[in-house]
Amino acid sequence: MVELPLALYDSQEMLIWDIIRKGAKGFKTNGAAVLGGIQINTAPDTLDYFLPLRFDWVNGKGEVVEDLLPAITTEWSSPYSG
């Protein structure tokens, strides 16, 4: 059960980056933030969770300028980031 969401994330990430690279020239600013991860749904009486796996600043060429993930994950470390 752990591998399935990670495999789905990987395939969706490839599609998203394809879109970002093709559309980056249309950014109205000098870049965009890209946040990606896995939504973890729980029982109706508990809160759901979001596992961030990527948080990048991307320039107008579709290139990653800065990895912002450490700024939001200072208190924990994801075994899947890397």
PDB file of N, CA and C in Angstrom:
ATOM      1  N   MET A   1       0.817  -1.199   0.000  1.00  0.00           N
ATOM      2  CA  MET A   1       0.000   0.000   0.000  1.00  0.00           C
ATOM      3  C   MET A   1       0.863   1.266   0.000  1.00  0.00           C
ATOM      4  N   VAL A   2       2.065   1.189   0.466  1.00  0.00           N
ATOM      5  CA  VAL A   2       2.931   2.375   0.483  1.00  0.00           C
ATOM      6  C   VAL A   2       3.446   2.686  -0.919  1.00  0.00           C
ATOM      7  N   GLU A   3       3.765   1.662  -1.684  1.00  0.00           N
ATOM      8  CA  GLU A   3       4.357   1.861  -3.010  1.00  0.00           C
ATOM      9  C   GLU A   3       3.379   2.437  -4.029  1.00  0.00           C
ATOM     10  N   LEU A   4       2.097   2.099  -3.945  1.00  0.00           N
ATOM     11  CA  LEU A   4       1.133   2.546  -4.944  1.00  0.00           C
ATOM     12  C   LEU A   4       1.025   4.067  -5.025  1.00  0.00           C
ATOM     13  N   PRO A   5       0.795   4.784  -3.918  1.00  0.00           N
ATOM     14  CA  PRO A   5       0.713   6.249  -4.053  1.00  0.00           C
ATOM     15  C   PRO A   5       2.018   6.872  -4.540  1.00  0.00           C
ATOM     16  N   LEU A   6       3.141   6.292  -4.172  1.00  0.00           N
ATOM     17  CA  LEU A   6       4.430   6.831  -4.632  1.00  0.00           C
ATOM     18  C   LEU A   6       4.606   6.614  -6.133  1.00  0.00           C
ATOM     19  N   ALA A   7       4.186   5.454  -6.626  1.00  0.00           N
ATOM     20  CA  ALA A   7       4.270   5.194  -8.067  1.00  0.00           C
ATOM     21  C   ALA A   7       3.347   6.131  -8.837  1.00  0.00           C
ATOM     22  N   LEU A   8       2.143   6.342  -8.316  1.00  0.00           N
ATOM     23  CA  LEU A   8       1.209   7.274  -8.960  1.00  0.00           C
ATOM     24  C   LEU A   8       1.766   8.697  -8.934  1.00  0.00           C
ATOM     25  N   TYR A   9       2.358   9.081  -7.819  1.00  0.00           N
ATOM     26  CA  TYR A   9       2.962  10.413  -7.713  1.00  0.00           C
ATOM     27  C   TYR A   9       4.045  10.583  -8.773  1.00  0.00           C
ATOM     28  N   ASP A  10       4.903   9.584  -8.912  1.00  0.00           N
ATOM     29  CA  ASP A  10       6.000   9.669  -9.890  1.00  0.00           C
ATOM     30  C   ASP A  10       5.478   9.869 -11.309  1.00  0.00           C
ATOM     31  N   SER A  11       4.448   9.127 -11.690  1.00  0.00           N
ATOM     32  CA  SER A  11       3.929   9.262 -13.056  1.00  0.00           C
ATOM     33  C   SER A  11       3.220  10.604 -13.245  1.00  0.00           C
ATOM     34  N   GLN A  12       2.509  11.070 -12.237  1.00  0.00           N
ATOM     35  CA  GLN A  12       1.853  12.377 -12.339  1.00  0.00           C
ATOM     36  C   GLN A  12       2.877  13.505 -12.348  1.00  0.00           C
ATOM     37  N   GLU A  13       3.963  13.331 -11.612  1.00  0.00           N
ATOM     38  CA  GLU A  13       5.012  14.353 -11.589  1.00  0.00           C
ATOM     39  C   GLU A  13       5.624  14.525 -12.986  1.00  0.00           C
ATOM     40  N   MET A  14       5.815  13.426 -13.695  1.00  0.00           N
ATOM     41  CA  MET A  14       6.352  13.520 -15.062  1.00  0.00           C
ATOM     42  C   MET A  14       5.410  14.333 -15.956  1.00  0.00           C
ATOM     43  N   LEU A  15       4.126  14.098 -15.841  1.00  0.00           N
ATOM     44  CA  LEU A  15       3.153  14.842 -16.649  1.00  0.00           C
ATOM     45  C   LEU A  15       3.133  16.329 -16.272  1.00  0.00           C
ATOM     46  N   ILE A  16       3.141  16.617 -14.984  1.00  0.00           N
ATOM     47  CA  ILE A  16       3.116  18.013 -14.519  1.00  0.00           C
ATOM     48  C   ILE A  16       4.344  18.764 -15.021  1.00  0.00           C
ATOM     49  N   TRP A  17       5.534  18.146 -14.935  1.00  0.00           N
ATOM     50  CA  TRP A  17       6.747  18.836 -15.383  1.00  0.00           C
ATOM     51  C   TRP A  17       6.753  19.045 -16.885  1.00  0.00           C
ATOM     52  N   ASP A  18       6.134  18.150 -17.601  1.00  0.00           N
ATOM     53  CA  ASP A  18       5.982  18.347 -19.042  1.00  0.00           C
ATOM     54  C   ASP A  18       5.146  19.597 -19.315  1.00  0.00           C
ATOM     55  N   ILE A  19       4.057  19.741 -18.589  1.00  0.00           N
ATOM     56  CA  ILE A  19       3.184  20.916 -18.728  1.00  0.00           C
ATOM     57  C   ILE A  19       3.913  22.190 -18.313  1.00  0.00           C
ATOM     58  N   ILE A  20       4.629  22.134 -17.195  1.00  0.00           N
ATOM     59  CA  ILE A  20       5.348  23.321 -16.692  1.00  0.00           C
ATOM     60  C   ILE A  20       6.393  23.785 -17.698  1.00  0.00           C
ATOM     61  N   ARG A  21       7.172  22.860 -18.220  1.00  0.00           N
ATOM     62  CA  ARG A  21       8.234  23.237 -19.168  1.00  0.00           C
ATOM     63  C   ARG A  21       7.657  23.845 -20.446  1.00  0.00           C
ATOM     64  N   LYS A  22       6.538  23.311 -20.906  1.00  0.00           N
ATOM     65  CA  LYS A  22       5.930  23.837 -22.131  1.00  0.00           C
ATOM     66  C   LYS A  22       5.224  25.167 -21.900  1.00  0.00           C
ATOM     67  N   GLY A  23       4.711  25.398 -20.707  1.00  0.00           N
ATOM     68  CA  GLY A  23       3.950  26.609 -20.444  1.00  0.00           C
ATOM     69  C   GLY A  23       4.686  27.692 -19.685  1.00  0.00           C
ATOM     70  N   ALA A  24       5.941  27.435 -19.300  1.00  0.00           N
ATOM     71  CA  ALA A  24       6.685  28.371 -18.462  1.00  0.00           C
ATOM     72  C   ALA A  24       6.867  29.736 -19.108  1.00  0.00           C
ATOM     73  N   LYS A  25       6.965  29.804 -20.416  1.00  0.00           N
ATOM     74  CA  LYS A  25       7.160  31.090 -21.088  1.00  0.00           C
ATOM     75  C   LYS A  25       5.952  31.999 -20.912  1.00  0.00           C
ATOM     76  N   GLY A  26       4.815  31.409 -20.571  1.00  0.00           N
ATOM     77  CA  GLY A  26       3.604  32.194 -20.366  1.00  0.00           C
ATOM     78  C   GLY A  26       3.421  32.672 -18.936  1.00  0.00           C
ATOM     79  N   PHE A  27       4.401  32.439 -18.053  1.00  0.00           N
ATOM     80  CA  PHE A  27       4.299  32.930 -16.676  1.00  0.00           C
ATOM     81  C   PHE A  27       4.190  34.448 -16.705  1.00  0.00           C
ATOM     82  N   LYS A  28       3.276  35.012 -15.942  1.00  0.00           N
ATOM     83  CA  LYS A  28       3.111  36.466 -15.907  1.00  0.00           C
ATOM     84  C   LYS A  28       4.118  37.124 -14.962  1.00  0.00           C
ATOM     85  N   THR A  29       4.801  36.325 -14.150  1.00  0.00           N
ATOM     86  CA  THR A  29       5.849  36.831 -13.267  1.00  0.00           C
ATOM     87  C   THR A  29       7.160  36.175 -13.689  1.00  0.00           C
ATOM     88  N   ASN A  30       8.183  36.339 -12.886  1.00  0.00           N
ATOM     89  CA  ASN A  30       9.474  35.746 -13.246  1.00  0.00           C
ATOM     90  C   ASN A  30       9.585  34.285 -12.829  1.00  0.00           C
ATOM     91  N   GLY A  31       8.482  33.666 -12.439  1.00  0.00           N
ATOM     92  CA  GLY A  31       8.519  32.257 -12.071  1.00  0.00           C
ATOM     93  C   GLY A  31       7.245  31.824 -11.376  1.00  0.00           C
ATOM     94  N   ALA A  32       7.296  30.598 -10.874  1.00  0.00           N
ATOM     95  CA  ALA A  32       6.132  30.041 -10.185  1.00  0.00           C
ATOM     96  C   ALA A  32       6.604  29.022  -9.160  1.00  0.00           C
ATOM     97  N   ALA A  33       5.807  28.856  -8.122  1.00  0.00           N
ATOM     98  CA  ALA A  33       6.077  27.825  -7.121  1.00  0.00           C
ATOM     99  C   ALA A  33       5.323  26.564  -7.519  1.00  0.00           C
ATOM    100  N   VAL A  34       5.985  25.430  -7.380  1.00  0.00           N
ATOM    101  CA  VAL A  34       5.389  24.137  -7.701  1.00  0.00           C
ATOM    102  C   VAL A  34       5.434  23.282  -6.432  1.00  0.00           C
ATOM    103  N   LEU A  35       4.256  22.910  -5.951  1.00  0.00           N
ATOM    104  CA  LEU A  35       4.140  22.074  -4.750  1.00  0.00           C
ATOM    105  C   LEU A  35       3.522  20.748  -5.144  1.00  0.00           C
ATOM    106  N   GLY A  36       4.152  19.670  -4.776  1.00  0.00           N
ATOM    107  CA  GLY A  36       3.628  18.350  -5.090  1.00  0.00           C
ATOM    108  C   GLY A  36       3.803  17.407  -3.927  1.00  0.00           C
ATOM    109  N   GLY A  37       2.890  16.472  -3.808  1.00  0.00           N
ATOM    110  CA  GLY A  37       2.983  15.502  -2.734  1.00  0.00           C
ATOM    111  C   GLY A  37       1.843  14.522  -2.801  1.00  0.00           C
ATOM    112  N   ILE A  38       1.625  13.845  -1.699  1.00  0.00           N
ATOM    113  CA  ILE A  38       0.598  12.813  -1.618  1.00  0.00           C
ATOM    114  C   ILE A  38      -0.410  13.194  -0.546  1.00  0.00           C
ATOM    115  N   GLN A  39      -1.682  13.182  -0.923  1.00  0.00           N
ATOM    116  CA  GLN A  39      -2.772  13.407   0.018  1.00  0.00           C
ATOM    117  C   GLN A  39      -3.075  12.078   0.702  1.00  0.00           C
ATOM    118  N   ILE A  40      -3.062  12.083   2.019  1.00  0.00           N
ATOM    119  CA  ILE A  40      -3.332  10.869   2.790  1.00  0.00           C
ATOM    120  C   ILE A  40      -4.695  11.024   3.442  1.00  0.00           C
ATOM    121  N   ASN A  41      -5.666  10.301   2.921  1.00  0.00           N
ATOM    122  CA  ASN A  41      -7.024  10.360   3.466  1.00  0.00           C
ATOM    123  C   ASN A  41      -7.144   9.416   4.649  1.00  0.00           C
ATOM    124  N   THR A  42      -7.851   9.865   5.671  1.00  0.00           N
ATOM    125  CA  THR A  42      -8.030   9.075   6.879  1.00  0.00           C
ATOM    126  C   THR A  42      -9.522   8.875   7.144  1.00  0.00           C
ATOM    127  N   ALA A  43      -9.834   8.308   8.268  1.00  0.00           N
ATOM    128  CA  ALA A  43     -11.227   8.051   8.641  1.00  0.00           C
ATOM    129  C   ALA A  43     -11.981   9.372   8.769  1.00  0.00           C
ATOM    130  N   PRO A  44     -13.314   9.328   8.622  1.00  0.00           N
ATOM    131  CA  PRO A  44     -14.109  10.565   8.678  1.00  0.00           C
ATOM    132  C   PRO A  44     -13.954  11.368   9.975  1.00  0.00           C
ATOM    133  N   ASP A  45     -13.600  10.728  11.056  1.00  0.00           N
ATOM    134  CA  ASP A  45     -13.496  11.442  12.330  1.00  0.00           C
ATOM    135  C   ASP A  45     -12.084  11.957  12.635  1.00  0.00           C
ATOM    136  N   THR A  46     -11.156  11.823  11.683  1.00  0.00           N
ATOM    137  CA  THR A  46      -9.791  12.325  11.885  1.00  0.00           C
ATOM    138  C   THR A  46      -9.394  13.225  10.712  1.00  0.00           C
ATOM    139  N   LEU A  47      -8.368  14.014  10.921  1.00  0.00           N
ATOM    140  CA  LEU A  47      -7.887  14.927   9.888  1.00  0.00           C
ATOM    141  C   LEU A  47      -7.110  14.178   8.813  1.00  0.00           C
ATOM    142  N   ASP A  48      -7.228  14.635   7.591  1.00  0.00           N
ATOM    143  CA  ASP A  48      -6.415  14.105   6.504  1.00  0.00           C
ATOM    144  C   ASP A  48      -5.030  14.744   6.582  1.00  0.00           C
ATOM    145  N   TYR A  49      -4.069  14.181   5.870  1.00  0.00           N
ATOM    146  CA  TYR A  49      -2.702  14.677   5.875  1.00  0.00           C
ATOM    147  C   TYR A  49      -2.229  14.897   4.443  1.00  0.00           C
ATOM    148  N   PHE A  50      -1.259  15.786   4.296  1.00  0.00           N
ATOM    149  CA  PHE A  50      -0.601  16.005   3.015  1.00  0.00           C
ATOM    150  C   PHE A  50       0.884  15.783   3.234  1.00  0.00           C
ATOM    151  N   LEU A  51       1.468  14.870   2.464  1.00  0.00           N
ATOM    152  CA  LEU A  51       2.894  14.590   2.538  1.00  0.00           C
ATOM    153  C   LEU A  51       3.583  15.337   1.401  1.00  0.00           C
ATOM    154  N   PRO A  52       4.227  16.475   1.690  1.00  0.00           N
ATOM    155  CA  PRO A  52       4.900  17.219   0.624  1.00  0.00           C
ATOM    156  C   PRO A  52       6.166  16.489   0.186  1.00  0.00           C
ATOM    157  N   LEU A  53       6.303  16.317  -1.104  1.00  0.00           N
ATOM    158  CA  LEU A  53       7.482  15.646  -1.657  1.00  0.00           C
ATOM    159  C   LEU A  53       8.318  16.579  -2.524  1.00  0.00           C
ATOM    160  N   ARG A  54       7.718  17.694  -2.942  1.00  0.00           N
ATOM    161  CA  ARG A  54       8.435  18.644  -3.796  1.00  0.00           C
ATOM    162  C   ARG A  54       7.835  20.032  -3.591  1.00  0.00           C
ATOM    163  N   PHE A  55       8.700  21.027  -3.466  1.00  0.00           N
ATOM    164  CA  PHE A  55       8.277  22.422  -3.396  1.00  0.00           C
ATOM    165  C   PHE A  55       9.401  23.234  -4.011  1.00  0.00           C
ATOM    166  N   ASP A  56       9.215  23.645  -5.272  1.00  0.00           N
ATOM    167  CA  ASP A  56      10.285  24.299  -6.028  1.00  0.00           C
ATOM    168  C   ASP A  56       9.843  25.653  -6.552  1.00  0.00           C
ATOM    169  N   TRP A  57      10.812  26.544  -6.713  1.00  0.00           N
ATOM    170  CA  TRP A  57      10.597  27.782  -7.446  1.00  0.00           C
ATOM    171  C   TRP A  57      11.143  27.551  -8.846  1.00  0.00           C
ATOM    172  N   VAL A  58      10.302  27.776  -9.862  1.00  0.00           N
ATOM    173  CA  VAL A  58      10.642  27.509 -11.253  1.00  0.00           C
ATOM    174  C   VAL A  58      10.687  28.823 -12.015  1.00  0.00           C
ATOM    175  N   ASN A  59      11.728  29.005 -12.845  1.00  0.00           N
ATOM    176  CA  ASN A  59      11.856  30.253 -13.613  1.00  0.00           C
ATOM    177  C   ASN A  59      11.038  30.187 -14.897  1.00  0.00           C
ATOM    178  N   GLY A  60      11.112  31.232 -15.705  1.00  0.00           N
ATOM    179  CA  GLY A  60      10.355  31.321 -16.947  1.00  0.00           C
ATOM    180  C   GLY A  60      10.813  30.376 -18.044  1.00  0.00           C
ATOM    181  N   LYS A  61      11.883  29.626 -17.780  1.00  0.00           N
ATOM    182  CA  LYS A  61      12.346  28.609 -18.730  1.00  0.00           C
ATOM    183  C   LYS A  61      11.910  27.206 -18.294  1.00  0.00           C
ATOM    184  N   GLY A  62      11.215  27.140 -17.160  1.00  0.00           N
ATOM    185  CA  GLY A  62      10.784  25.845 -16.642  1.00  0.00           C
ATOM    186  C   GLY A  62      11.861  25.117 -15.865  1.00  0.00           C
ATOM    187  N   GLU A  63      12.896  25.853 -15.455  1.00  0.00           N
ATOM    188  CA  GLU A  63      14.004  25.260 -14.697  1.00  0.00           C
ATOM    189  C   GLU A  63      13.822  25.528 -13.208  1.00  0.00           C
ATOM    190  N   VAL A  64      14.177  24.552 -12.395  1.00  0.00           N
ATOM    191  CA  VAL A  64      14.104  24.732 -10.950  1.00  0.00           C
ATOM    192  C   VAL A  64      15.224  25.669 -10.519  1.00  0.00           C
ATOM    193  N   VAL A  65      14.837  26.773  -9.884  1.00  0.00           N
ATOM    194  CA  VAL A  65      15.799  27.765  -9.413  1.00  0.00           C
ATOM    195  C   VAL A  65      16.165  27.495  -7.954  1.00  0.00           C
ATOM    196  N   GLU A  66      15.162  27.099  -7.177  1.00  0.00           N
ATOM    197  CA  GLU A  66      15.400  26.882  -5.754  1.00  0.00           C
ATOM    198  C   GLU A  66      14.485  25.778  -5.230  1.00  0.00           C
ATOM    199  N   ASP A  67      15.061  24.911  -4.404  1.00  0.00           N
ATOM    200  CA  ASP A  67      14.295  23.874  -3.716  1.00  0.00           C
ATOM    201  C   ASP A  67      13.810  24.485  -2.406  1.00  0.00           C
ATOM    202  N   LEU A  68      12.505  24.678  -2.294  1.00  0.00           N
ATOM    203  CA  LEU A  68      11.924  25.305  -1.113  1.00  0.00           C
ATOM    204  C   LEU A  68      11.448  24.291  -0.071  1.00  0.00           C
ATOM    205  N   LEU A  69      11.522  23.005  -0.384  1.00  0.00           N
ATOM    206  CA  LEU A  69      11.015  21.976   0.517  1.00  0.00           C
ATOM    207  C   LEU A  69      11.650  22.022   1.904  1.00  0.00           C
ATOM    208  N   PRO A  70      12.962  22.231   2.026  1.00  0.00           N
ATOM    209  CA  PRO A  70      13.533  22.290   3.378  1.00  0.00           C
ATOM    210  C   PRO A  70      12.927  23.398   4.249  1.00  0.00           C
ATOM    211  N   ALA A  71      12.440  24.453   3.629  1.00  0.00           N
ATOM    212  CA  ALA A  71      11.851  25.557   4.404  1.00  0.00           C
ATOM    213  C   ALA A  71      10.546  25.156   5.075  1.00  0.00           C
ATOM    214  N   ILE A  72       9.844  24.177   4.517  1.00  0.00           N
ATOM    215  CA  ILE A  72       8.576  23.762   5.128  1.00  0.00           C
ATOM    216  C   ILE A  72       8.682  22.420   5.835  1.00  0.00           C
ATOM    217  N   THR A  73       9.843  21.797   5.782  1.00  0.00           N
ATOM    218  CA  THR A  73      10.015  20.489   6.422  1.00  0.00           C
ATOM    219  C   THR A  73      11.179  20.500   7.396  1.00  0.00           C
ATOM    220  N   THR A  74      11.375  21.572   8.112  1.00  0.00           N
ATOM    221  CA  THR A  74      12.519  21.676   9.006  1.00  0.00           C
ATOM    222  C   THR A  74      12.407  20.767  10.226  1.00  0.00           C
ATOM    223  N   GLU A  75      11.177  20.452  10.638  1.00  0.00           N
ATOM    224  CA  GLU A  75      11.012  19.651  11.859  1.00  0.00           C
ATOM    225  C   GLU A  75      10.923  18.166  11.588  1.00  0.00           C
ATOM    226  N   TRP A  76      10.796  17.762  10.347  1.00  0.00           N
ATOM    227  CA  TRP A  76      10.724  16.341  10.016  1.00  0.00           C
ATOM    228  C   TRP A  76      11.393  16.120   8.674  1.00  0.00           C
ATOM    229  N   SER A  77      11.686  14.913   8.397  1.00  0.00           N
ATOM    230  CA  SER A  77      12.342  14.574   7.133  1.00  0.00           C
ATOM    231  C   SER A  77      11.548  13.461   6.459  1.00  0.00           C
ATOM    232  N   SER A  78      11.167  13.668   5.214  1.00  0.00           N
ATOM    233  CA  SER A  78      10.428  12.660   4.470  1.00  0.00           C
ATOM    234  C   SER A  78      11.384  11.602   3.954  1.00  0.00           C
ATOM    235  N   PRO A  79      11.064  10.330   4.152  1.00  0.00           N
ATOM    236  CA  PRO A  79      11.937   9.281   3.615  1.00  0.00           C
ATOM    237  C   PRO A  79      11.875   9.203   2.099  1.00  0.00           C
ATOM    238  N   TYR A  80      10.927   9.921   1.473  1.00  0.00           N
ATOM    239  CA  TYR A  80      10.716   9.836   0.030  1.00  0.00           C
ATOM    240  C   TYR A  80      11.304  11.030  -0.706  1.00  0.00           C
ATOM    241  N   SER A  81      11.716  12.060  -0.008  1.00  0.00           N
ATOM    242  CA  SER A  81      12.283  13.219  -0.697  1.00  0.00           C
ATOM    243  C   SER A  81      13.736  12.935  -1.016  1.00  0.00           C
ATOM    244  N   GLY A  82      14.200  13.580  -2.021  1.00  0.00           N
ATOM    245  CA  GLY A  82      15.577  13.301  -2.277  1.00  0.00           C
ATOM    246  C   GLY A  82      16.086  13.926  -3.455  1.00  0.00           C
TER     247      GLY A  82
END
